[in-house]
Protein backbone atom coordinates (compact mmCIF):
# COMPACT_ATOMS: atom_id res chain seq x y z
CA UNK A 1 52.60 -149.58 -137.07
CA UNK A 2 53.72 -147.00 -134.56
CA UNK A 3 51.53 -146.29 -131.58
CA UNK A 4 49.71 -142.97 -131.69
CA UNK A 5 50.87 -140.39 -129.20
CA UNK A 6 48.05 -139.61 -126.76
CA UNK A 7 46.70 -136.07 -126.77
CA UNK A 8 47.96 -134.10 -123.77
CA UNK A 9 45.31 -133.32 -121.22
CA UNK A 10 44.29 -129.68 -121.07
CA UNK A 11 45.60 -127.95 -117.98
CA UNK A 12 43.15 -125.09 -118.21
CA UNK A 13 40.19 -125.35 -115.86
CA UNK A 14 36.72 -124.54 -117.17
CA UNK A 15 35.60 -120.95 -116.54
CA UNK A 16 34.04 -120.52 -113.12
CA UNK A 17 30.30 -120.10 -112.88
CA UNK A 18 29.72 -116.66 -111.41
CA UNK A 19 26.63 -115.73 -109.45
CA UNK A 20 24.47 -113.30 -111.41
CA UNK A 21 21.73 -111.26 -109.76
CA UNK A 22 18.74 -110.41 -111.96
CA UNK A 23 16.26 -107.71 -110.96
CA UNK A 24 12.71 -108.19 -112.24
CA UNK A 25 12.13 -104.49 -112.82
CA UNK A 26 8.61 -103.12 -113.22
CA UNK A 27 6.22 -105.87 -112.04
CA UNK A 28 3.55 -104.77 -114.52
CA UNK A 29 5.88 -105.15 -117.50
CA UNK A 30 7.52 -108.05 -119.30
CA UNK A 31 10.42 -108.48 -116.86
CA UNK A 32 9.11 -111.70 -115.31
CA UNK A 33 8.44 -113.22 -118.73
CA UNK A 34 11.86 -112.51 -120.27
CA UNK A 35 13.63 -113.72 -117.11
CA UNK A 36 11.75 -117.04 -117.08
CA UNK A 37 12.23 -117.60 -120.80
CA UNK A 38 15.94 -116.75 -120.63
CA UNK A 39 16.75 -118.94 -117.62
CA UNK A 40 14.70 -121.86 -118.94
CA UNK A 41 17.41 -122.23 -121.61
CA UNK A 42 19.84 -124.95 -120.41
CA UNK A 43 22.70 -123.01 -122.02
CA UNK A 44 22.08 -120.15 -119.60
CA UNK A 45 22.19 -122.49 -116.61
CA UNK A 46 25.56 -123.83 -117.71
CA UNK A 47 27.00 -120.30 -117.64
CA UNK A 48 26.20 -119.22 -114.09
CA UNK A 49 24.09 -119.47 -110.97
CA UNK A 50 21.33 -116.91 -110.56
CA UNK A 51 19.55 -114.94 -107.88
CA UNK A 52 16.33 -113.32 -109.12
CA UNK A 53 15.14 -110.32 -107.12
CA UNK A 54 11.42 -110.28 -107.84
CA UNK A 55 7.99 -111.72 -107.24
CA UNK A 56 7.58 -115.47 -107.34
CA UNK A 57 3.87 -115.13 -108.10
CA UNK A 58 4.51 -113.23 -111.34
CA UNK A 59 7.42 -115.45 -112.37
CA UNK A 60 5.26 -118.54 -111.86
CA UNK A 61 2.42 -116.98 -113.82
CA UNK A 62 4.78 -116.18 -116.72
CA UNK A 63 6.12 -119.75 -116.66
CA UNK A 64 2.59 -121.15 -116.71
CA UNK A 65 1.65 -119.05 -119.75
CA UNK A 66 4.80 -120.20 -121.55
CA UNK A 67 4.19 -123.84 -120.50
CA UNK A 68 7.52 -123.92 -118.68
CA UNK A 69 7.84 -126.04 -115.55
CA UNK A 70 9.03 -124.19 -112.46
CA UNK A 71 12.79 -124.70 -112.26
CA UNK A 72 13.84 -122.41 -109.41
CA UNK A 73 14.06 -122.48 -105.63
CA UNK A 74 12.07 -119.83 -103.76
CA UNK A 75 13.21 -118.06 -100.59
CA UNK A 76 11.51 -115.16 -98.82
CA UNK A 77 13.51 -111.96 -99.43
CA UNK A 78 13.89 -111.19 -95.71
CA UNK A 79 14.66 -114.76 -94.63
CA UNK A 80 18.05 -115.44 -92.97
CA UNK A 81 18.63 -118.03 -95.72
CA UNK A 82 19.35 -115.29 -98.29
CA UNK A 83 22.64 -114.66 -96.49
CA UNK A 84 24.02 -118.07 -97.46
CA UNK A 85 25.75 -119.05 -100.69
CA UNK A 86 23.67 -120.73 -103.38
CA UNK A 87 23.22 -124.48 -103.59
CA UNK A 88 20.67 -124.24 -106.44
CA UNK A 89 21.17 -122.99 -109.99
CA UNK A 90 18.34 -120.47 -109.70
CA UNK A 91 17.01 -118.91 -106.50
CA UNK A 92 14.15 -116.41 -106.44
CA UNK A 93 14.24 -113.91 -103.59
CA UNK A 94 10.50 -113.45 -103.31
CA UNK A 95 9.01 -110.06 -102.43
CA UNK A 96 5.50 -111.35 -101.94
CA UNK A 97 4.55 -108.29 -99.89
CA UNK A 98 3.97 -106.64 -103.30
CA UNK A 99 1.61 -109.37 -104.51
CA UNK A 100 -1.34 -106.97 -104.42
CA UNK A 101 -0.22 -105.84 -107.86
CA UNK A 102 -1.75 -109.00 -109.36
CA UNK A 103 -1.40 -110.32 -112.90
CA UNK A 104 -3.63 -107.88 -114.76
CA UNK A 105 -2.04 -104.53 -113.84
CA UNK A 106 -0.11 -103.38 -116.92
CA UNK A 107 0.42 -99.68 -116.25
CA UNK A 108 2.56 -97.43 -114.05
CA UNK A 109 1.75 -97.60 -110.33
CA UNK A 110 3.32 -96.32 -107.14
CA UNK A 111 3.45 -99.90 -105.80
CA UNK A 112 5.24 -101.08 -108.94
CA UNK A 113 7.80 -98.31 -108.58
CA UNK A 114 8.39 -99.17 -104.94
CA UNK A 115 8.84 -102.86 -105.81
CA UNK A 116 11.32 -102.30 -108.64
CA UNK A 117 13.31 -99.86 -106.50
CA UNK A 118 13.49 -102.44 -103.72
CA UNK A 119 14.65 -105.19 -106.10
CA UNK A 120 17.45 -102.97 -107.39
CA UNK A 121 18.49 -101.63 -103.99
CA UNK A 122 18.87 -105.12 -102.53
CA UNK A 123 20.76 -106.36 -105.60
CA UNK A 124 23.21 -103.45 -105.34
CA UNK A 125 23.77 -104.27 -101.65
CA UNK A 126 24.61 -107.88 -102.57
CA UNK A 127 26.95 -106.81 -105.38
CA UNK A 128 28.79 -104.41 -103.04
CA UNK A 129 29.57 -107.12 -100.50
CA UNK A 130 33.21 -108.24 -100.14
CA UNK A 131 34.14 -111.10 -102.44
CA UNK A 132 34.37 -113.63 -99.61
CA UNK A 133 31.11 -112.69 -97.89
CA UNK A 134 28.17 -115.13 -98.26
CA UNK A 135 25.28 -113.88 -100.36
CA UNK A 136 27.47 -111.81 -102.65
CA UNK A 137 26.64 -111.64 -106.36
CA UNK A 138 29.23 -111.06 -109.08
CA UNK A 139 27.08 -108.92 -111.40
CA UNK A 140 23.64 -107.38 -111.78
CA UNK A 141 21.43 -107.80 -114.83
CA UNK A 142 18.40 -105.53 -114.83
CA UNK A 143 15.02 -106.01 -116.47
CA UNK A 144 13.23 -102.80 -117.52
CA UNK A 145 11.77 -100.36 -115.01
CA UNK A 146 9.02 -97.81 -115.52
CA UNK A 147 10.35 -94.32 -114.83
CA UNK A 148 6.83 -93.01 -114.30
CA UNK A 149 6.31 -95.57 -111.53
CA UNK A 150 9.54 -94.39 -109.88
CA UNK A 151 8.33 -90.78 -110.03
CA UNK A 152 5.10 -91.81 -108.28
CA UNK A 153 7.16 -93.00 -105.30
CA UNK A 154 8.96 -89.67 -105.02
CA UNK A 155 12.22 -91.18 -106.31
CA UNK A 156 14.72 -88.55 -107.44
CA UNK A 157 16.56 -90.82 -109.87
CA UNK A 158 15.38 -90.80 -113.51
CA UNK A 159 16.71 -94.30 -114.21
CA UNK A 160 18.93 -97.23 -113.27
CA UNK A 161 22.16 -95.48 -114.22
CA UNK A 162 21.69 -92.51 -111.93
CA UNK A 163 20.67 -94.67 -108.97
CA UNK A 164 23.65 -96.97 -109.47
CA UNK A 165 25.98 -93.96 -109.57
CA UNK A 166 24.57 -92.67 -106.27
CA UNK A 167 24.45 -96.01 -104.44
CA UNK A 168 27.95 -97.09 -105.43
CA UNK A 169 29.43 -93.61 -104.92
CA UNK A 170 31.14 -93.85 -108.30
CA UNK A 171 32.86 -90.70 -109.53
CA UNK A 172 31.53 -91.07 -113.08
CA UNK A 173 29.31 -93.43 -115.01
CA UNK A 174 28.63 -93.86 -118.71
CA UNK A 175 25.88 -95.76 -120.47
CA UNK A 176 27.18 -97.95 -123.31
CA UNK A 177 25.17 -100.18 -125.64
CA UNK A 178 26.84 -103.30 -126.98
CA UNK A 179 25.47 -105.16 -130.00
CA UNK A 180 27.04 -107.47 -132.59
CA UNK A 181 26.83 -104.75 -135.25
CA UNK A 182 27.47 -101.58 -133.25
CA UNK A 183 28.77 -100.20 -129.94
CA UNK A 184 27.49 -96.81 -128.75
CA UNK A 185 28.33 -94.79 -125.62
CA UNK A 186 26.37 -91.72 -124.53
CA UNK A 187 27.66 -88.34 -123.36
CA UNK A 188 24.28 -87.47 -121.80
CA UNK A 189 21.46 -89.81 -120.83
CA UNK A 190 18.02 -89.03 -119.40
CA UNK A 191 17.60 -85.33 -120.07
CA UNK A 192 15.05 -83.21 -121.90
CA UNK A 193 16.45 -82.45 -125.34
CA UNK A 194 16.28 -78.71 -124.71
CA UNK A 195 18.54 -79.05 -121.63
CA UNK A 196 21.42 -80.84 -123.35
CA UNK A 197 23.08 -77.64 -124.57
CA UNK A 198 23.36 -76.39 -120.97
CA UNK A 199 24.66 -79.68 -119.56
CA UNK A 200 27.18 -80.76 -122.18
CA UNK A 201 30.79 -80.16 -121.10
CA UNK A 202 34.22 -81.25 -122.24
CA UNK A 203 34.24 -83.78 -119.40
CA UNK A 204 30.83 -85.16 -120.39
CA UNK A 205 32.21 -85.90 -123.84
CA UNK A 206 35.62 -87.13 -122.66
CA UNK A 207 34.22 -89.67 -120.16
CA UNK A 208 32.44 -91.94 -122.69
CA UNK A 209 35.49 -91.82 -124.96
CA UNK A 210 37.80 -92.77 -122.09
CA UNK A 211 35.59 -95.36 -120.37
CA UNK A 212 34.39 -96.77 -123.70
CA UNK A 213 38.00 -97.22 -124.83
CA UNK A 214 38.85 -99.14 -121.63
CA UNK A 215 35.68 -101.26 -121.85
CA UNK A 216 36.36 -102.35 -125.41
CA UNK A 217 39.92 -103.30 -124.49
CA UNK A 218 38.51 -105.50 -121.71
CA UNK A 219 36.18 -107.05 -124.28
CA UNK A 220 39.16 -107.98 -126.46
CA UNK A 221 39.56 -105.01 -128.83
CA UNK A 222 43.26 -104.21 -128.54
CA UNK A 223 43.19 -100.76 -130.18
CA UNK A 224 39.65 -99.41 -130.25
CA UNK A 225 38.82 -96.91 -132.97
CA UNK A 226 36.36 -94.36 -131.64
CA UNK A 227 34.16 -91.96 -133.60
CA UNK A 228 32.52 -89.01 -131.87
CA UNK A 229 29.36 -87.38 -133.17
CA UNK A 230 28.54 -83.71 -133.28
CA UNK A 231 25.59 -82.25 -131.44
CA UNK A 232 24.21 -80.14 -134.26
CA UNK A 233 23.16 -81.01 -137.83
CA UNK A 234 26.20 -81.66 -140.06
CA UNK A 235 28.35 -81.36 -136.91
CA UNK A 236 27.61 -77.59 -137.12
CA UNK A 237 29.36 -77.31 -140.52
CA UNK A 238 32.17 -75.09 -139.24
CA UNK A 239 30.03 -73.13 -136.84
CA UNK A 240 27.05 -72.40 -139.05
CA UNK A 241 24.61 -74.26 -136.77
CA UNK A 242 26.16 -73.84 -133.33
CA UNK A 243 29.52 -73.76 -131.57
CA UNK A 244 29.34 -76.87 -129.34
CA UNK A 245 31.53 -78.82 -131.76
CA UNK A 246 34.44 -76.36 -131.59
CA UNK A 247 33.92 -75.28 -127.98
CA UNK A 248 33.24 -78.62 -126.28
CA UNK A 249 33.44 -81.72 -128.47
CA UNK A 250 36.71 -81.08 -130.32
CA UNK A 251 38.65 -80.27 -127.10
CA UNK A 252 37.38 -83.53 -125.57
CA UNK A 253 38.57 -85.48 -128.60
CA UNK A 254 41.95 -83.74 -128.46
CA UNK A 255 42.29 -84.61 -124.75
CA UNK A 256 41.51 -88.24 -125.52
CA UNK A 257 44.06 -88.36 -128.32
CA UNK A 258 46.65 -86.83 -125.99
CA UNK A 259 45.93 -89.73 -123.63
CA UNK A 260 46.70 -92.23 -126.40
CA UNK A 261 43.12 -92.98 -127.45
CA UNK A 262 42.37 -93.33 -131.17
CA UNK A 263 39.42 -90.92 -131.24
CA UNK A 264 38.10 -89.00 -134.25
CA UNK A 265 35.42 -86.43 -135.03
CA UNK A 266 33.17 -84.69 -134.49
CA UNK A 267 31.19 -86.33 -137.30
CA UNK A 268 27.63 -85.66 -138.47
CA UNK A 269 25.26 -87.91 -136.55
CA UNK A 270 23.30 -88.87 -139.66
CA UNK A 271 26.22 -90.62 -141.39
CA UNK A 272 28.79 -91.83 -138.85
CA UNK A 273 26.82 -94.86 -137.68
CA UNK A 274 26.91 -96.24 -141.22
CA UNK A 275 30.71 -96.07 -141.15
CA UNK A 276 30.83 -97.81 -137.77
CA UNK A 277 28.57 -100.65 -138.94
CA UNK A 278 30.83 -101.01 -141.98
CA UNK A 279 33.72 -101.73 -139.61
CA UNK A 280 35.62 -98.44 -139.70
CA UNK A 281 35.05 -97.75 -136.01
CA UNK A 282 34.62 -99.95 -132.93
CA UNK A 283 32.62 -97.42 -130.92
CA UNK A 284 30.52 -94.34 -131.57
CA UNK A 285 30.18 -91.74 -128.82
CA UNK A 286 26.81 -90.00 -129.23
CA UNK A 287 25.85 -86.73 -127.61
CA UNK A 288 22.34 -87.61 -126.48
CA UNK A 289 20.03 -90.54 -125.84
CA UNK A 290 18.05 -90.86 -129.07
CA UNK A 291 20.97 -89.95 -131.31
CA UNK A 292 22.74 -93.10 -130.13
CA UNK A 293 19.82 -95.39 -129.37
CA UNK A 294 17.87 -95.12 -132.62
CA UNK A 295 20.55 -96.89 -134.71
CA UNK A 296 21.20 -99.48 -131.98
CA UNK A 297 17.55 -100.43 -131.65
CA UNK A 298 17.01 -100.37 -135.40
CA UNK A 299 19.85 -102.83 -135.97
CA UNK A 300 19.76 -105.04 -132.88
CA UNK A 301 16.59 -104.58 -130.85
CA UNK A 302 16.61 -108.15 -129.47
CA UNK A 303 20.41 -108.44 -129.14
CA UNK A 304 21.64 -105.14 -127.71
CA UNK A 305 22.84 -104.86 -124.12
CA UNK A 306 23.05 -101.79 -121.92
CA UNK A 307 26.31 -101.71 -119.92
CA UNK A 308 27.10 -99.24 -117.12
CA UNK A 309 30.75 -98.17 -117.35
CA UNK A 310 32.70 -96.63 -114.47
CA UNK A 311 30.95 -98.42 -111.60
CA UNK A 312 32.76 -100.57 -109.01
CA UNK A 313 30.28 -103.36 -109.80
CA UNK A 314 29.18 -105.03 -113.04
CA UNK A 315 25.77 -104.07 -114.39
CA UNK A 316 24.23 -104.99 -117.71
CA UNK A 317 20.63 -104.59 -118.80
CA UNK A 318 18.15 -105.38 -121.52
CA UNK A 319 17.83 -102.73 -124.20
CA UNK A 320 14.05 -102.44 -124.22
CA UNK A 321 11.27 -101.07 -122.08
CA UNK A 322 8.47 -102.51 -119.98
CA UNK A 323 6.24 -103.16 -123.02
CA UNK A 324 2.98 -102.81 -121.09
CA UNK A 325 1.05 -103.45 -124.30
CA UNK A 326 2.25 -107.06 -124.57
CA UNK A 327 2.75 -107.87 -120.87
CA UNK A 328 0.93 -111.04 -119.87
CA UNK A 329 0.49 -112.23 -123.46
CA UNK A 330 3.48 -114.61 -123.65
CA UNK A 331 4.88 -112.95 -126.79
CA UNK A 332 7.94 -111.14 -125.36
CA UNK A 333 11.33 -111.98 -126.85
CA UNK A 334 14.01 -112.92 -124.31
CA UNK A 335 16.92 -112.34 -126.71
CA UNK A 336 18.12 -109.11 -125.08
CA UNK A 337 17.94 -110.66 -121.60
CA UNK A 338 20.04 -113.61 -122.73
CA UNK A 339 22.57 -111.26 -124.33
CA UNK A 340 22.75 -109.18 -121.13
CA UNK A 341 23.35 -112.30 -119.05
CA UNK A 342 26.08 -113.58 -121.39
CA UNK A 343 27.93 -110.25 -121.27
CA UNK A 344 27.63 -110.05 -117.46
CA UNK A 345 29.04 -113.58 -117.17
CA UNK A 346 31.91 -112.75 -119.51
CA UNK A 347 32.80 -109.62 -117.55
CA UNK A 348 32.53 -111.43 -114.20
CA UNK A 349 34.78 -114.25 -115.37
CA UNK A 350 37.40 -111.72 -116.44
CA UNK A 351 37.26 -110.11 -113.01
CA UNK A 352 35.94 -106.78 -114.26
């Protein structure tokens, strides 16, 4: 009997464990709960190390309600120790100066807005550090904020995306939503519906086509097929319901095609998502927030991930709100938080 040839040892090293920063978002919402539930999963701990920018008191309270033992190391947010690299799998940078919010406040407050802004601002600073500097994080994952709380502080930014654009000095940013069934990028984001007609430009439509194409290639789609919606019913039906399709959207599609991007449209918004889910397109570019988000949340509410494209740093986010109505009841689903973490890890490992 001949001796079996031994299997050659694999020369490929295991993927590195990046450091992921997670912002707790609105303290009065479900951010603390979904963070604790997500990171309590041993599979998440095998993927990365984590720095949570939030309030230890609320995280501990959420863990107690879920009957989860505390598994993290706490450090005061302004302690010199935050400048050192991690030696623990999970470190909470504790902003206990906001502890006056308590456990029972489940509504917008000025203090909650100030806290969530501080969490995000410090996380951005850590993500912008040079790669070799201690305390740097490789990506940011954000829990939901309350825009009303931000307004109460006098903040001029309507959401995460706009603040990230300003703080990183990026030239353009696009909000994309990634789910197993559907990818959607938005031409406009947090605007009153009546203002979209005055804001939409050829560039606003071209950017999500261009950045979405590049993002999908980085995610492994070699030749992304992109569908672009119209703004008006039936994509204006040859100008019967508006001229934005011929004046703005079609020229943007033509510019993308001239750049080698496989873009098509404009298509009626009430039918094109069905074609994308059926596999005919890899990405849909929608003209406004609800046009793109309704199908995403209908199909994948607990799996979808918000990704900011065009930034010099990696940022992913849950695709749900603060859920004040269920905060503190231990019923929140951490599926979107886990999905956001997994995507951030994947992007960090690829050096995005």
